Amino acid sequence: MNDATDARLARAFVRSRQRRPVSLLDRYVSVFMLAIAVAVFGNPVTTAVTGLAGQVDAGRMGPGVALVMLALTGFLALGRAAGPVVLPAADASWLLLSGVGRRGLLGRPVRILAVITLAAGALLGLALLTALGAPDQLVWRLLAAVVLGMSASAGGMALAVLGQGSQAWQTWSTVALVAVLAVAVAAAIGPAREPLAAVAAAPVQALGAAAAGALAAAALLVRHAWTALDRIPAGTLMGAATRARHLTTAATQLDPGALTWAAEDDHWRGRRLRSRRWPSLPAPLALAWQDWRRVARRPGRLALMAATTTLPALLTQATGAAPTNLGRGSATESLTGMPDAGSPASAGGGQSAETLAGIAGGPTAENLTGIGGGPTAENLTGIASGPTAGGGVPMEGVGALVGGLAPAALLIGGALAVAASAVAGARRDADNPALARLAAVGTRAALLARALLPALLAAAWMAAALGWLAAAGAVAGPWWAFGPLAAPALAAGALRMARRPPVDHSLPLIDTPAGAIPTGPVFWAATGPDLALLGSLPTLAALVTQPADPSGHLAAQAVTGLGALAAYAYRQKAR
């Protein structure tokens, strides 16, 4: 009797003791729901795939490939952090240390991991084709891109599985992740853009050969990983099962806050830390010094934060979501890429909208709509940017509004996430108020002291991200100053997130056409981001409306940022 037979017998015995076995009706419902999902999402996916035909702008190709490589790196890093082979808690408790063969016991988790990996690889391949384009033979290029994506994800995950049982393979897995990051950096900063253009225009036969080679290499790694399942230590599998139990517990109890404690405890458990004498500081700052020490002991997280500052610029370049001359001229100039009729560039002989349209007198809003005094773009969007040099109202289109919203959401959300990574001390104070009172430091003074580090991190992250946007040509002017000015509001939002109570499941449900929505988790998730968004409204407005001179928004942000932090600290009371 082999290992797989032993595992099947053990699982069959467990299933035989269950209250209700899986019936034919259950299988029918599962197949029916799968068919409904295919029918619902089939047409949008087909339409999206058909829209991939054609060439992609060379300026967007490099950032797009860089985002795909970063997504692949994040997926593989997440798999390594999770296990990647994860046993259910019950199997890890009762079957892992029994006489059941290790490979047979891990067969089901490995198959689930394979399905997730191949699905993620197919999506990455589709994203790669979106970045490179398909000038001809869309079906074959799509097939080659999907095979490349699945091979890359499967090979990287196989290295992670091998690294779970061997330190040498763990090193090779790290080298592979660094290599993918190097490709992303090369694609982002420019050296790899010419090779990428050559790859996009390569014949289908060459792409098929590359896909076949990648598939063969991935198959060898997967086979080797399957044979190495017996060598994965039980302690490693138990640790992965513990993390999975924390995740499932938080999901079933609708308590996402438990994941923060679990991740922090899992990182510091078993580590030997050197003790040093703390500097002589005032009482509130001495209490907050532990947060500074905790951040300094994790240089890898700081490096990751620094690397993510490039994401807004990459997203803007890859998608073309925002105009490339934000803060440099009128909105008409941003939308057309050429000076408008009343601008100095047009007066100097540059091409105007009339020349481009080939219509004497240039098309106005009345000509386009056929309605005298018809609606202008200002009426459609509800945004006025002030008069242009020619005396008219600049046409700020819907594309400018949506184009500024995506980078704005990424900037504010990323800065808030960075600030929230340095509020563990405030979280522990809220979890154990009695211990916090022993420090003999007032609640408001302690919060203001603990706000310094998250404010500094948020200011540095947002200023660097806006600096990358300026380097990419998306902004011009003192936009980096929004980082330090919005930092107090972001720090207040991060502290509010850290001190929020557990999810209140006694709140009522909201009936919607899509089903009932529990308000407890919704209110819990909004606690913290609401204050950060409220205190960063001038920054959000500046990024969305895209003024030529952001000085007024900077002044407003200075007031709202400090006001949000002061109001939050003033309203806090000792527990």
Protein backbone atom coordinates (compact mmCIF):
# COMPACT_ATOMS: atom_id res chain seq x y z
CA MET A 1 0.00 0.00 0.00
CA ASN A 2 1.58 3.31 -1.10
CA ASP A 3 1.43 6.76 0.43
CA ALA A 4 -1.43 7.98 -1.77
CA THR A 5 -3.56 4.97 -0.84
CA ASP A 6 -2.92 5.57 2.85
CA ALA A 7 -4.04 9.20 2.52
CA ARG A 8 -7.15 8.25 0.55
CA LEU A 9 -8.14 5.64 3.13
CA ALA A 10 -7.71 8.14 5.96
CA ARG A 11 -9.78 10.78 4.19
CA ALA A 12 -12.45 8.22 3.29
CA PHE A 13 -12.70 7.23 6.94
CA VAL A 14 -13.13 10.88 7.94
CA ARG A 15 -15.79 11.44 5.27
CA SER A 16 -17.68 8.36 6.38
CA ARG A 17 -18.06 9.86 9.84
CA GLN A 18 -19.42 13.15 8.55
CA ARG A 19 -23.06 13.96 9.17
CA ARG A 20 -24.02 14.56 5.53
CA PRO A 21 -22.06 13.17 2.59
CA VAL A 22 -21.84 15.01 -0.69
CA SER A 23 -24.87 14.09 -2.78
CA LEU A 24 -25.57 14.16 -6.49
CA LEU A 25 -27.69 17.28 -6.02
CA ASP A 26 -24.72 19.10 -4.48
CA ARG A 27 -22.58 18.25 -7.48
CA TYR A 28 -25.35 19.36 -9.85
CA VAL A 29 -25.64 22.72 -8.10
CA SER A 30 -21.87 23.23 -8.33
CA VAL A 31 -21.81 22.45 -12.05
CA PHE A 32 -24.86 24.65 -12.66
CA MET A 33 -23.29 27.62 -10.84
CA LEU A 34 -20.09 27.15 -12.85
CA ALA A 35 -22.10 27.19 -16.08
CA ILE A 36 -23.90 30.37 -14.97
CA ALA A 37 -20.54 32.02 -14.20
CA VAL A 38 -19.22 31.09 -17.66
CA ALA A 39 -22.37 32.47 -19.29
CA VAL A 40 -22.18 35.74 -17.35
CA PHE A 41 -18.47 36.45 -17.71
CA GLY A 42 -17.88 34.81 -21.09
CA ASN A 43 -19.05 37.70 -23.24
CA PRO A 44 -17.10 40.45 -21.37
CA VAL A 45 -13.94 38.36 -21.44
CA THR A 46 -14.34 37.64 -25.14
CA THR A 47 -14.90 41.33 -25.85
CA ALA A 48 -11.82 42.28 -23.82
CA VAL A 49 -9.67 39.69 -25.60
CA THR A 50 -10.89 40.87 -29.01
CA GLY A 51 -9.95 44.43 -28.09
CA LEU A 52 -6.30 43.41 -27.60
CA ALA A 53 -5.70 43.33 -31.35
CA GLY A 54 -3.45 46.13 -32.54
CA GLN A 55 -0.21 47.77 -31.58
CA VAL A 56 0.52 49.47 -28.27
CA ASP A 57 2.23 52.81 -27.82
CA ALA A 58 5.93 52.23 -27.24
CA GLY A 59 5.91 54.64 -24.29
CA ARG A 60 3.29 52.55 -22.47
CA MET A 61 4.88 49.19 -23.24
CA GLY A 62 7.72 49.33 -20.71
CA PRO A 63 5.64 50.45 -17.71
CA GLY A 64 2.97 47.89 -18.58
CA VAL A 65 5.46 45.02 -18.61
CA ALA A 66 6.97 46.35 -15.38
CA LEU A 67 3.56 46.19 -13.69
CA VAL A 68 3.08 42.62 -14.90
CA MET A 69 6.48 41.60 -13.54
CA LEU A 70 5.71 43.28 -10.23
CA ALA A 71 2.39 41.43 -10.07
CA LEU A 72 4.19 38.12 -10.70
CA THR A 73 6.71 38.94 -7.97
CA GLY A 74 3.95 39.82 -5.52
CA PHE A 75 2.06 36.61 -6.27
CA LEU A 76 5.14 34.43 -5.76
CA ALA A 77 6.13 36.33 -2.60
CA LEU A 78 2.63 35.86 -1.23
CA GLY A 79 2.84 32.15 -1.97
CA ARG A 80 6.16 31.89 -0.15
CA ALA A 81 4.74 33.75 2.84
CA ALA A 82 1.72 31.45 2.99
CA GLY A 83 3.63 28.21 2.69
CA PRO A 84 3.15 27.70 -0.21
CA VAL A 85 1.95 24.14 0.55
CA VAL A 86 -0.69 24.63 3.24
CA LEU A 87 -2.41 21.81 5.10
CA PRO A 88 -5.78 22.31 6.76
CA ALA A 89 -5.51 22.70 10.51
CA ALA A 90 -7.27 19.37 11.16
CA ASP A 91 -4.94 17.41 8.86
CA ALA A 92 -1.90 19.11 10.36
CA SER A 93 -3.08 18.19 13.88
CA TRP A 94 -4.14 14.58 13.29
CA LEU A 95 -2.53 13.23 10.12
CA LEU A 96 0.77 15.06 9.67
CA LEU A 97 2.62 13.21 12.45
CA SER A 98 0.83 9.91 11.86
CA GLY A 99 1.96 7.06 9.65
CA VAL A 100 0.27 8.50 6.55
CA GLY A 101 2.74 9.16 3.75
CA ARG A 102 3.76 12.79 3.39
CA ARG A 103 3.34 13.00 -0.38
CA GLY A 104 -0.12 11.43 -0.36
CA LEU A 105 -1.20 13.71 2.46
CA LEU A 106 -0.02 16.82 0.60
CA GLY A 107 -1.56 15.77 -2.70
CA ARG A 108 -4.83 17.68 -2.28
CA PRO A 109 -3.24 20.97 -1.10
CA VAL A 110 -0.76 20.77 -3.97
CA ARG A 111 -3.56 20.30 -6.51
CA ILE A 112 -5.42 23.30 -5.09
CA LEU A 113 -2.20 25.30 -5.24
CA ALA A 114 -1.70 24.23 -8.86
CA VAL A 115 -5.18 25.40 -9.87
CA ILE A 116 -4.65 28.80 -8.20
CA THR A 117 -1.18 29.15 -9.73
CA LEU A 118 -2.30 28.30 -13.26
CA ALA A 119 -5.29 30.66 -13.04
CA ALA A 120 -3.04 33.49 -11.83
CA GLY A 121 -0.55 32.68 -14.57
CA ALA A 122 -3.26 32.85 -17.25
CA LEU A 123 -4.30 36.29 -15.98
CA LEU A 124 -0.69 37.45 -15.97
CA GLY A 125 -0.26 36.22 -19.54
CA LEU A 126 -3.36 38.12 -20.58
CA ALA A 127 -1.99 41.24 -18.88
CA LEU A 128 1.34 40.74 -20.67
CA LEU A 129 -0.40 40.61 -24.02
CA THR A 130 -2.29 43.78 -23.07
CA ALA A 131 1.02 45.52 -22.40
CA LEU A 132 2.75 44.29 -25.58
CA GLY A 133 -0.17 44.28 -27.99
CA ALA A 134 -1.01 41.86 -30.81
CA PRO A 135 -0.28 43.38 -34.24
CA ASP A 136 -1.34 40.18 -36.01
CA GLN A 137 -2.60 36.63 -35.37
CA LEU A 138 -4.31 37.45 -32.11
CA VAL A 139 -5.30 33.88 -31.24
CA TRP A 140 -1.79 32.46 -31.49
CA ARG A 141 -0.23 35.39 -29.66
CA LEU A 142 -2.83 35.06 -26.94
CA LEU A 143 -2.09 31.35 -26.61
CA ALA A 144 1.66 32.00 -26.42
CA ALA A 145 1.20 34.75 -23.80
CA VAL A 146 -1.05 32.55 -21.64
CA VAL A 147 1.41 29.64 -21.85
CA LEU A 148 4.28 31.98 -20.89
CA GLY A 149 2.35 33.37 -17.94
CA MET A 150 1.30 29.95 -16.68
CA SER A 151 4.83 28.60 -17.10
CA ALA A 152 6.33 31.54 -15.19
CA SER A 153 3.86 31.24 -12.31
CA ALA A 154 4.12 27.45 -12.15
CA GLY A 155 7.91 27.48 -12.28
CA GLY A 156 8.18 30.18 -9.63
CA MET A 157 5.72 28.40 -7.34
CA ALA A 158 7.60 25.11 -7.84
CA LEU A 159 10.76 26.86 -6.68
CA ALA A 160 8.85 28.10 -3.63
CA VAL A 161 7.68 24.54 -2.86
CA LEU A 162 11.24 23.28 -3.19
CA GLY A 163 12.41 26.09 -0.93
CA GLN A 164 9.88 25.01 1.68
CA GLY A 165 11.92 21.86 2.21
CA SER A 166 15.47 23.01 1.42
CA GLN A 167 17.40 26.14 2.29
CA ALA A 168 19.42 25.88 -0.93
CA TRP A 169 16.28 25.95 -3.04
CA GLN A 170 15.00 28.81 -0.89
CA THR A 171 18.06 30.77 -2.00
CA TRP A 172 17.38 29.95 -5.65
CA SER A 173 13.77 31.07 -5.19
CA THR A 174 15.01 34.39 -3.81
CA VAL A 175 17.37 34.76 -6.78
CA ALA A 176 14.46 34.16 -9.16
CA LEU A 177 12.38 36.84 -7.44
CA VAL A 178 15.29 39.30 -7.62
CA ALA A 179 15.71 38.51 -11.34
CA VAL A 180 12.03 39.22 -12.01
CA LEU A 181 12.35 42.49 -10.09
CA ALA A 182 15.41 43.38 -12.17
CA VAL A 183 13.41 42.82 -15.35
CA ALA A 184 10.65 45.04 -13.96
CA VAL A 185 13.13 47.80 -13.15
CA ALA A 186 14.75 47.56 -16.59
CA ALA A 187 11.37 47.76 -18.28
CA ALA A 188 10.32 50.71 -16.14
CA ILE A 189 13.37 52.95 -16.49
CA GLY A 190 13.96 52.44 -20.21
CA PRO A 191 16.87 50.06 -21.09
CA ALA A 192 14.52 47.20 -21.94
CA ARG A 193 12.03 49.18 -24.02
CA GLU A 194 13.70 48.51 -27.36
CA PRO A 195 13.93 44.73 -26.73
CA LEU A 196 10.29 44.80 -25.63
CA ALA A 197 9.30 46.49 -28.88
CA ALA A 198 11.19 43.78 -30.75
CA VAL A 199 9.39 41.09 -28.75
CA ALA A 200 6.02 42.69 -29.47
CA ALA A 201 6.75 42.64 -33.21
CA ALA A 202 8.37 39.18 -33.21
CA PRO A 203 6.84 36.50 -35.45
CA VAL A 204 4.43 34.05 -33.94
CA GLN A 205 6.82 31.14 -34.56
CA ALA A 206 9.46 32.70 -32.30
CA LEU A 207 6.91 33.36 -29.56
CA GLY A 208 5.69 29.77 -29.83
CA ALA A 209 9.23 28.45 -29.46
CA ALA A 210 9.80 30.63 -26.39
CA ALA A 211 6.52 29.45 -24.88
CA ALA A 212 7.43 25.82 -25.53
CA GLY A 213 10.83 26.28 -23.86
CA ALA A 214 9.29 27.97 -20.84
CA LEU A 215 6.70 25.20 -20.57
CA ALA A 216 9.39 22.49 -20.65
CA ALA A 217 11.45 24.24 -17.95
CA ALA A 218 8.40 24.75 -15.76
CA ALA A 219 7.41 21.08 -16.18
CA LEU A 220 10.85 19.95 -14.99
CA LEU A 221 10.63 22.19 -11.91
CA VAL A 222 7.10 21.01 -11.13
CA ARG A 223 8.13 17.35 -11.40
CA HIS A 224 11.10 17.94 -9.11
CA ALA A 225 8.88 19.78 -6.61
CA TRP A 226 6.41 16.86 -6.61
CA THR A 227 9.16 14.37 -5.79
CA ALA A 228 10.48 16.67 -3.02
CA LEU A 229 7.20 16.79 -1.06
CA ASP A 230 8.41 14.01 1.24
CA ARG A 231 11.33 16.19 2.38
CA ILE A 232 9.28 19.15 3.63
CA PRO A 233 9.79 19.32 7.43
CA ALA A 234 6.75 18.86 9.65
CA GLY A 235 7.56 22.06 11.54
CA THR A 236 7.33 24.11 8.35
CA LEU A 237 3.98 22.56 7.49
CA MET A 238 2.70 23.17 11.01
CA GLY A 239 3.65 26.85 10.78
CA ALA A 240 1.85 27.21 7.44
CA ALA A 241 -1.21 25.44 8.89
CA THR A 242 -1.21 27.83 11.85
CA ARG A 243 -1.21 30.84 9.53
CA ALA A 244 -4.03 29.28 7.50
CA ARG A 245 -6.03 28.71 10.68
CA HIS A 246 -5.67 32.37 11.63
CA LEU A 247 -6.85 33.38 8.16
CA THR A 248 -9.88 31.09 8.16
CA THR A 249 -10.80 32.15 11.70
CA ALA A 250 -10.70 35.82 10.76
CA ALA A 251 -12.75 35.10 7.62
CA THR A 252 -15.43 33.03 9.36
CA GLN A 253 -15.74 35.45 12.27
CA LEU A 254 -15.58 38.52 10.00
CA ASP A 255 -12.76 39.95 12.11
CA PRO A 256 -9.98 41.19 9.79
CA GLY A 257 -8.22 42.86 12.71
CA ALA A 258 -7.12 39.45 13.97
CA LEU A 259 -4.90 39.08 10.91
CA THR A 260 -2.77 42.04 12.01
CA TRP A 261 -2.03 40.46 15.38
CA ALA A 262 -1.38 37.09 13.77
CA ALA A 263 1.06 38.52 11.21
CA GLU A 264 2.94 40.53 13.82
CA ASP A 265 3.20 37.67 16.29
CA ASP A 266 4.27 35.27 13.55
CA HIS A 267 7.11 37.61 12.55
CA TRP A 268 8.53 38.21 16.01
CA ARG A 269 7.98 34.71 17.40
CA GLY A 270 11.28 32.94 18.01
CA ARG A 271 13.49 35.89 17.10
CA ARG A 272 16.40 36.89 19.30
CA LEU A 273 16.59 40.67 19.67
CA ARG A 274 19.47 42.67 21.09
CA SER A 275 18.62 45.06 23.88
CA ARG A 276 19.97 48.60 23.81
CA ARG A 277 19.63 51.52 26.14
CA TRP A 278 16.95 53.96 25.08
CA PRO A 279 17.89 57.61 24.58
CA SER A 280 16.87 60.25 27.10
CA LEU A 281 13.58 61.55 25.77
CA PRO A 282 10.47 63.19 27.21
CA ALA A 283 7.92 60.74 28.51
CA PRO A 284 5.57 60.73 25.45
CA LEU A 285 8.45 60.39 23.00
CA ALA A 286 10.06 57.66 25.11
CA LEU A 287 6.79 55.75 24.99
CA ALA A 288 6.68 56.08 21.19
CA TRP A 289 10.33 55.09 20.76
CA GLN A 290 9.36 51.43 20.59
CA ASP A 291 7.61 52.06 17.27
CA TRP A 292 10.81 53.56 15.84
CA ARG A 293 12.82 50.56 17.03
CA ARG A 294 10.28 48.14 15.59
CA VAL A 295 10.42 49.82 12.19
CA ALA A 296 14.22 49.96 12.20
CA ARG A 297 14.40 46.23 12.89
CA ARG A 298 12.58 45.49 9.63
CA PRO A 299 14.73 47.03 6.86
CA GLY A 300 13.12 44.77 4.28
CA ARG A 301 9.75 46.40 4.85
CA LEU A 302 11.32 49.86 4.47
CA ALA A 303 12.91 48.78 1.19
CA LEU A 304 9.53 47.50 -0.03
CA MET A 305 7.92 50.81 0.88
CA ALA A 306 10.57 52.68 -1.06
CA ALA A 307 10.04 50.44 -4.09
CA THR A 308 6.28 50.92 -4.12
CA THR A 309 6.67 54.69 -4.58
CA THR A 310 7.10 54.02 -8.30
CA LEU A 311 3.70 52.36 -8.69
CA PRO A 312 1.63 55.54 -9.34
CA ALA A 313 4.03 56.64 -12.07
CA LEU A 314 4.07 53.19 -13.65
CA LEU A 315 0.28 52.97 -13.55
CA THR A 316 -0.07 56.40 -15.13
CA GLN A 317 2.38 55.60 -17.93
CA ALA A 318 1.10 52.08 -18.56
CA THR A 319 -2.59 52.91 -18.75
CA GLY A 320 -2.38 56.44 -20.06
CA ALA A 321 -4.99 57.27 -17.43
CA ALA A 322 -3.72 60.76 -16.68
CA PRO A 323 -2.61 63.46 -19.06
CA THR A 324 1.13 63.68 -19.51
CA ASN A 325 1.32 67.43 -18.94
CA LEU A 326 -0.53 67.77 -15.64
CA GLY A 327 0.04 71.18 -14.14
CA ARG A 328 1.64 72.57 -17.30
CA GLY A 329 -1.19 74.15 -19.22
CA SER A 330 -4.86 74.25 -19.91
CA ALA A 331 -7.12 71.26 -19.89
CA THR A 332 -7.68 71.46 -23.65
CA GLU A 333 -3.93 71.15 -24.12
CA SER A 334 -3.93 68.11 -21.80
CA LEU A 335 -6.68 66.35 -23.71
CA THR A 336 -5.42 66.97 -27.25
CA GLY A 337 -1.71 66.94 -26.63
CA MET A 338 -1.44 70.22 -28.64
CA PRO A 339 -1.75 73.88 -27.62
CA ASP A 340 -5.27 75.23 -27.81
CA ALA A 341 -6.24 78.00 -30.19
CA GLY A 342 -5.80 80.77 -27.62
CA SER A 343 -2.47 79.63 -26.22
CA PRO A 344 0.85 81.33 -27.01
CA ALA A 345 2.10 78.21 -28.75
CA SER A 346 -0.78 78.40 -31.17
CA ALA A 347 -0.15 82.08 -31.81
CA GLY A 348 3.45 81.26 -32.61
CA GLY A 349 2.54 79.07 -35.52
CA GLY A 350 1.80 75.77 -33.77
CA GLN A 351 -0.98 73.50 -34.97
CA SER A 352 -4.36 74.44 -33.58
CA ALA A 353 -7.48 72.40 -33.15
CA GLU A 354 -8.77 73.97 -36.39
CA THR A 355 -5.80 72.68 -38.35
CA LEU A 356 -6.12 69.20 -36.87
CA ALA A 357 -9.82 69.03 -37.59
CA GLY A 358 -9.48 70.41 -41.10
CA ILE A 359 -12.46 72.68 -40.55
CA ALA A 360 -12.21 76.42 -40.94
CA GLY A 361 -13.25 78.05 -37.75
CA GLY A 362 -12.72 74.91 -35.71
CA PRO A 363 -15.60 72.84 -34.30
CA THR A 364 -17.29 74.29 -31.26
CA ALA A 365 -19.61 72.61 -28.80
CA GLU A 366 -22.54 74.02 -30.79
CA ASN A 367 -21.25 72.50 -34.04
CA LEU A 368 -20.74 69.09 -32.44
CA THR A 369 -24.10 68.90 -30.72
CA GLY A 370 -26.19 70.79 -33.27
CA ILE A 371 -27.74 72.81 -30.48
CA GLY A 372 -27.29 76.53 -30.25
CA GLY A 373 -25.55 77.26 -27.01
CA GLY A 374 -25.11 73.52 -26.56
CA PRO A 375 -23.44 71.99 -23.54
CA THR A 376 -19.74 72.42 -23.18
CA ALA A 377 -17.41 69.97 -21.48
CA GLU A 378 -17.61 72.14 -18.36
CA ASN A 379 -21.38 71.58 -18.25
CA LEU A 380 -20.92 67.83 -18.73
CA THR A 381 -18.34 67.34 -16.01
CA GLY A 382 -19.30 70.09 -13.62
CA ILE A 383 -15.69 71.22 -13.34
CA ALA A 384 -14.53 74.71 -14.13
CA SER A 385 -10.85 75.47 -14.41
CA GLY A 386 -11.03 79.17 -15.03
CA PRO A 387 -10.59 81.10 -18.25
CA THR A 388 -7.91 80.22 -20.75
CA ALA A 389 -5.54 82.62 -22.50
CA GLY A 390 -8.03 83.01 -25.33
CA GLY A 391 -10.80 84.06 -23.00
CA GLY A 392 -12.87 80.88 -23.31
CA VAL A 393 -13.58 78.15 -20.83
CA PRO A 394 -11.17 75.19 -21.01
CA MET A 395 -12.79 71.92 -22.07
CA GLU A 396 -12.04 69.54 -19.23
CA GLY A 397 -13.31 66.14 -20.39
CA VAL A 398 -14.46 63.16 -18.48
CA GLY A 399 -11.16 61.47 -19.27
CA ALA A 400 -9.29 64.06 -17.24
CA LEU A 401 -11.56 63.47 -14.27
CA VAL A 402 -11.22 59.70 -14.36
CA GLY A 403 -7.55 59.93 -15.27
CA GLY A 404 -6.76 61.89 -12.13
CA LEU A 405 -8.86 59.70 -9.86
CA ALA A 406 -6.87 56.47 -10.22
CA PRO A 407 -3.45 57.99 -9.34
CA ALA A 408 -5.08 60.00 -6.54
CA ALA A 409 -6.63 56.90 -4.97
CA LEU A 410 -3.34 55.02 -5.27
CA LEU A 411 -1.36 57.90 -3.76
CA ILE A 412 -3.62 58.43 -0.76
CA GLY A 413 -4.26 54.72 -0.20
CA GLY A 414 -0.56 53.85 -0.45
CA ALA A 415 0.48 56.61 1.94
CA LEU A 416 -2.20 55.51 4.41
CA ALA A 417 -0.99 51.90 4.22
CA VAL A 418 2.59 53.02 4.86
CA ALA A 419 1.49 55.09 7.84
CA ALA A 420 -0.55 52.17 9.22
CA SER A 421 2.57 49.98 9.27
CA ALA A 422 4.04 52.02 12.15
CA VAL A 423 1.15 52.16 14.65
CA ALA A 424 1.60 48.84 16.46
CA GLY A 425 2.19 50.66 19.74
CA ALA A 426 -1.12 52.50 19.53
CA ARG A 427 -2.84 49.22 18.70
CA ARG A 428 -1.42 47.58 21.82
CA ASP A 429 -2.40 50.57 23.96
CA ALA A 430 -5.97 50.28 22.75
CA ASP A 431 -6.00 46.52 23.28
CA ASN A 432 -4.69 46.80 26.86
CA PRO A 433 -5.66 50.21 28.33
CA ALA A 434 -4.67 49.18 31.86
CA LEU A 435 -1.08 48.60 30.77
CA ALA A 436 -1.05 51.89 28.88
CA ARG A 437 -2.16 53.77 32.01
CA LEU A 438 0.88 52.45 33.90
CA ALA A 439 3.11 54.57 31.67
CA ALA A 440 1.71 57.73 33.31
CA VAL A 441 1.41 59.49 29.93
CA GLY A 442 -1.78 61.19 28.87
CA THR A 443 -3.73 59.71 25.99
CA ARG A 444 -3.54 62.82 23.85
CA ALA A 445 0.17 63.34 24.45
CA ALA A 446 0.86 59.67 23.68
CA LEU A 447 -1.14 59.81 20.45
CA LEU A 448 0.62 62.96 19.27
CA ALA A 449 3.98 61.38 20.01
CA ARG A 450 3.03 58.17 18.24
CA ALA A 451 1.81 60.19 15.24
CA LEU A 452 5.31 61.44 14.40
CA LEU A 453 6.60 58.21 12.85
CA PRO A 454 3.56 57.40 10.65
CA ALA A 455 3.43 61.04 9.55
CA LEU A 456 7.11 60.94 8.58
CA LEU A 457 6.69 57.69 6.64
CA ALA A 458 3.55 58.90 4.86
CA ALA A 459 5.18 62.23 3.97
CA ALA A 460 8.29 60.57 2.57
CA TRP A 461 6.28 57.99 0.61
CA MET A 462 3.86 60.45 -0.98
CA ALA A 463 6.58 63.00 -1.73
CA ALA A 464 8.68 60.29 -3.40
CA ALA A 465 5.68 59.01 -5.38
CA LEU A 466 4.89 62.52 -6.61
CA GLY A 467 8.56 62.95 -7.43
CA TRP A 468 8.44 59.85 -9.64
CA LEU A 469 5.33 61.27 -11.31
CA ALA A 470 7.26 64.48 -11.97
CA ALA A 471 10.17 62.50 -13.40
CA ALA A 472 7.75 60.68 -15.70
CA GLY A 473 6.39 64.00 -16.95
CA ALA A 474 2.95 63.58 -15.41
CA VAL A 475 3.18 66.57 -13.05
CA ALA A 476 5.11 69.80 -12.99
CA GLY A 477 5.55 72.15 -10.09
CA PRO A 478 5.71 71.80 -6.30
CA TRP A 479 3.32 68.82 -6.19
CA TRP A 480 5.71 66.91 -3.91
CA ALA A 481 4.72 69.32 -1.10
CA PHE A 482 1.34 67.58 -0.84
CA GLY A 483 3.15 64.69 0.90
CA PRO A 484 4.34 66.56 4.02
CA LEU A 485 1.15 68.62 4.19
CA ALA A 486 -1.21 65.62 3.99
CA ALA A 487 0.93 63.51 6.37
CA PRO A 488 -0.78 64.65 9.62
CA ALA A 489 -4.20 63.63 8.31
CA LEU A 490 -2.87 60.28 7.12
CA ALA A 491 -1.22 59.69 10.51
CA ALA A 492 -4.51 60.48 12.23
CA GLY A 493 -6.29 58.01 9.97
CA ALA A 494 -3.68 55.33 10.71
CA LEU A 495 -4.02 55.88 14.49
CA ARG A 496 -7.80 55.71 14.18
CA MET A 497 -7.43 52.41 12.33
CA ALA A 498 -5.16 51.05 15.05
CA ARG A 499 -7.50 52.02 17.88
CA ARG A 500 -10.80 50.92 16.34
CA PRO A 501 -12.75 48.30 18.31
CA PRO A 502 -13.57 44.84 16.95
CA VAL A 503 -16.32 44.38 14.40
CA ASP A 504 -19.77 44.95 15.85
CA HIS A 505 -21.88 42.11 14.45
CA SER A 506 -25.03 43.35 16.21
CA LEU A 507 -25.55 46.11 13.65
CA PRO A 508 -28.39 45.58 11.17
CA LEU A 509 -28.08 44.28 7.62
CA ILE A 510 -28.67 46.31 4.48
CA ASP A 511 -30.82 44.59 1.86
CA THR A 512 -29.57 45.17 -1.68
CA PRO A 513 -30.37 43.53 -5.03
CA ALA A 514 -27.06 41.68 -4.73
CA GLY A 515 -27.90 40.35 -1.27
CA ALA A 516 -27.68 41.40 2.35
CA ILE A 517 -24.62 43.44 3.38
CA PRO A 518 -23.58 43.42 7.06
CA THR A 519 -22.97 46.97 8.22
CA GLY A 520 -20.62 45.99 11.03
CA PRO A 521 -17.65 45.06 8.78
CA VAL A 522 -18.40 48.02 6.52
CA PHE A 523 -18.25 50.51 9.39
CA TRP A 524 -15.14 48.77 10.75
CA ALA A 525 -13.37 49.04 7.38
CA ALA A 526 -14.33 52.71 6.99
CA THR A 527 -13.02 53.66 10.45
CA GLY A 528 -9.69 55.32 9.81
CA PRO A 529 -9.79 55.76 6.04
CA ASP A 530 -12.73 58.15 6.50
CA LEU A 531 -10.62 60.53 8.60
CA ALA A 532 -7.64 60.23 6.25
CA LEU A 533 -9.83 60.99 3.23
CA LEU A 534 -11.53 63.89 4.97
CA GLY A 535 -8.20 65.42 5.97
CA SER A 536 -6.74 64.87 2.48
CA LEU A 537 -9.60 66.34 0.47
CA PRO A 538 -7.51 69.23 -0.94
CA THR A 539 -4.92 66.75 -2.19
CA LEU A 540 -7.61 64.58 -3.72
CA ALA A 541 -9.24 67.60 -5.34
CA ALA A 542 -5.93 68.78 -6.76
CA LEU A 543 -5.10 65.38 -8.23
CA VAL A 544 -8.55 65.00 -9.78
CA THR A 545 -9.15 68.54 -11.09
CA GLN A 546 -5.49 69.01 -12.11
CA PRO A 547 -5.00 72.78 -11.66
CA ALA A 548 -2.15 74.54 -13.38
CA ASP A 549 -1.17 76.23 -10.10
CA PRO A 550 -1.71 74.00 -7.00
CA SER A 551 -0.72 76.70 -4.47
CA GLY A 552 -4.30 77.20 -3.29
CA HIS A 553 -4.77 73.48 -2.73
CA LEU A 554 -1.45 73.34 -0.88
CA ALA A 555 -2.56 76.06 1.52
CA ALA A 556 -5.89 74.32 2.11
CA GLN A 557 -4.13 70.99 2.68
CA ALA A 558 -1.85 72.52 5.31
CA VAL A 559 -4.91 73.61 7.28
CA THR A 560 -6.98 70.43 6.88
CA GLY A 561 -4.04 68.11 7.58
CA LEU A 562 -3.11 69.66 10.90
CA GLY A 563 -6.77 70.19 11.75
CA ALA A 564 -7.61 66.51 11.26
CA LEU A 565 -4.79 65.38 13.56
CA ALA A 566 -5.56 68.01 16.21
CA ALA A 567 -9.28 67.25 16.18
CA TYR A 568 -8.67 63.51 16.47
CA ALA A 569 -6.22 63.90 19.35
CA TYR A 570 -8.54 66.35 21.14
CA ARG A 571 -11.51 63.98 20.98
CA GLN A 572 -9.61 61.04 22.49
CA LYS A 573 -10.14 60.27 26.15
CA ALA A 574 -8.28 58.01 28.51
CA ARG A 575 -9.74 54.52 28.71
